[in-house]
Amino acid sequence: MLGSASAIAFLPSVDLERSRRFFADLLGLTLVEVTPFACVLRTGPTMVRVTRVETLEPQPFTVFGWQVDDIHTTVAELAAAGIACLRYEGMGQDPTGVWTTPGGDQVAWFHDPDGSTLSLTQFAHQ
């Protein structure tokens, strides 16, 4: 029924202007519009609606992520923009914060300004 429909991702934010700066200015997503209710962006073919909320309790898991071709280059670009990768106890991440799965995929995590966990994944067999 929805297999061919375009997806829309939703992320919460208590400060839409701060989220606009983060997602558009730092991460380079295309800004579509900002309203009092949402900051609408595009990443590839996917619409991302950063929706204004009054309060937010960030979830302890990844809520959104990107597939990248070169995770170490992307992590270096994030670091240059002042965005640090998260480190998890016992994960065996490399010095840049990248974890390699048993199957060879590579994953890194970082927070948005509201504390939501975002990720990057470079698949071993793309």
Protein backbone atom coordinates (compact mmCIF):
# COMPACT_ATOMS: atom_id res chain seq x y z
CA MET A 1 0.00 0.00 0.00
CA LEU A 2 2.73 2.54 0.94
CA GLY A 3 5.74 0.79 -0.55
CA SER A 4 6.17 3.36 -3.31
CA ALA A 5 5.09 6.44 -1.33
CA SER A 6 7.70 9.04 -0.36
CA ALA A 7 8.70 8.98 3.30
CA ILE A 8 8.64 11.99 5.62
CA ALA A 9 10.82 11.93 8.72
CA PHE A 10 9.83 13.81 11.88
CA LEU A 11 12.23 15.10 14.52
CA PRO A 12 11.21 17.13 17.58
CA SER A 13 12.79 20.43 18.65
CA VAL A 14 12.17 22.99 21.35
CA ASP A 15 13.99 25.67 19.30
CA LEU A 16 13.32 25.71 15.55
CA GLU A 17 15.85 28.43 14.76
CA ARG A 18 18.61 26.48 16.51
CA SER A 19 17.53 23.36 14.59
CA ARG A 20 17.50 25.29 11.30
CA ARG A 21 21.07 26.42 11.89
CA PHE A 22 22.15 22.88 12.77
CA PHE A 23 20.44 20.97 9.97
CA ALA A 24 20.70 23.55 7.17
CA ASP A 25 23.84 25.54 7.99
CA LEU A 26 26.00 22.85 9.63
CA LEU A 27 24.79 19.60 8.08
CA GLY A 28 23.87 21.08 4.69
CA LEU A 29 20.28 19.86 4.37
CA THR A 30 18.21 21.90 1.94
CA LEU A 31 15.89 24.32 3.73
CA VAL A 32 12.35 24.24 2.32
CA GLU A 33 10.54 26.49 4.79
CA VAL A 34 10.30 27.57 8.40
CA THR A 35 6.91 28.14 9.99
CA PRO A 36 5.98 28.67 13.64
CA PHE A 37 5.29 24.92 13.77
CA ALA A 38 8.13 23.28 11.85
CA CYS A 39 11.43 23.66 10.06
CA VAL A 40 11.06 21.69 6.83
CA LEU A 41 14.18 20.39 5.10
CA ARG A 42 15.21 17.86 2.48
CA THR A 43 18.01 15.36 2.59
CA GLY A 44 18.21 13.56 -0.72
CA PRO A 45 14.63 12.65 -1.66
CA THR A 46 13.47 12.58 1.97
CA MET A 47 11.57 15.40 3.62
CA VAL A 48 12.55 16.05 7.24
CA ARG A 49 10.06 17.99 9.36
CA VAL A 50 11.66 19.28 12.54
CA THR A 51 8.53 19.91 14.55
CA ARG A 52 8.31 22.41 17.40
CA VAL A 53 7.47 20.87 20.75
CA GLU A 54 7.15 22.53 24.14
CA THR A 55 9.19 19.94 26.02
CA LEU A 56 11.37 17.08 24.92
CA GLU A 57 12.81 14.00 26.56
CA PRO A 58 15.36 12.66 24.03
CA GLN A 59 15.12 8.94 23.37
CA PRO A 60 18.11 6.71 24.23
CA PHE A 61 18.30 5.27 20.71
CA THR A 62 18.94 6.47 17.17
CA VAL A 63 15.97 8.34 15.72
CA PHE A 64 17.35 9.26 12.28
CA GLY A 65 20.39 8.48 10.17
CA TRP A 66 22.14 8.74 6.84
CA GLN A 67 23.87 6.19 4.62
CA VAL A 68 27.22 7.65 3.56
CA ASP A 69 29.89 6.53 1.10
CA ASP A 70 32.91 7.49 3.26
CA ILE A 71 32.12 7.58 6.97
CA HIS A 72 35.56 8.78 8.06
CA THR A 73 35.42 11.79 5.74
CA THR A 74 31.92 12.62 6.96
CA VAL A 75 32.97 12.24 10.62
CA ALA A 76 35.94 14.55 9.95
CA GLU A 77 33.59 17.12 8.37
CA LEU A 78 31.29 16.91 11.39
CA ALA A 79 34.25 17.37 13.73
CA ALA A 80 35.41 20.42 11.74
CA ALA A 81 31.89 21.86 12.25
CA GLY A 82 32.16 21.25 16.00
CA ILE A 83 29.97 18.14 16.07
CA ALA A 84 31.51 15.32 18.09
CA CYS A 85 30.72 11.65 17.67
CA LEU A 86 29.23 9.88 20.64
CA ARG A 87 31.21 7.17 22.37
CA TYR A 88 29.59 4.11 23.90
CA GLU A 89 31.24 2.00 26.58
CA GLY A 90 32.27 -1.42 25.31
CA MET A 91 31.55 -0.73 21.63
CA GLY A 92 35.17 -0.83 20.47
CA GLN A 93 34.89 2.37 18.44
CA ASP A 94 37.98 3.63 16.65
CA PRO A 95 39.64 6.93 17.71
CA THR A 96 37.21 8.94 15.55
CA GLY A 97 34.15 7.28 17.13
CA VAL A 98 33.35 4.85 14.30
CA TRP A 99 32.19 1.36 15.28
CA THR A 100 32.61 -1.56 12.87
CA THR A 101 29.89 -4.21 13.06
CA PRO A 102 30.74 -7.92 12.90
CA GLY A 103 29.57 -7.82 9.24
CA GLY A 104 31.91 -4.93 8.38
CA ASP A 105 29.41 -2.07 8.28
CA GLN A 106 30.63 1.11 9.97
CA VAL A 107 28.45 3.31 12.19
CA ALA A 108 28.93 6.60 14.05
CA TRP A 109 26.49 8.54 16.20
CA PHE A 110 26.06 12.18 17.17
CA HIS A 111 23.44 14.38 18.82
CA ASP A 112 21.32 17.12 17.32
CA PRO A 113 20.91 20.30 19.42
CA ASP A 114 17.93 18.79 21.27
CA GLY A 115 19.84 15.65 22.25
CA SER A 116 18.25 13.29 19.74
CA THR A 117 20.68 10.64 18.50
CA LEU A 118 21.49 10.70 14.79
CA SER A 119 23.71 8.24 12.94
CA LEU A 120 25.89 7.69 9.92
CA THR A 121 26.27 4.24 8.33
CA GLN A 122 28.69 3.09 5.68
CA PHE A 123 27.67 -0.35 4.52
CA ALA A 124 30.48 -2.81 3.79
CA HIS A 125 28.79 -4.00 0.60
CA GLN A 126 27.13 -1.00 -1.05
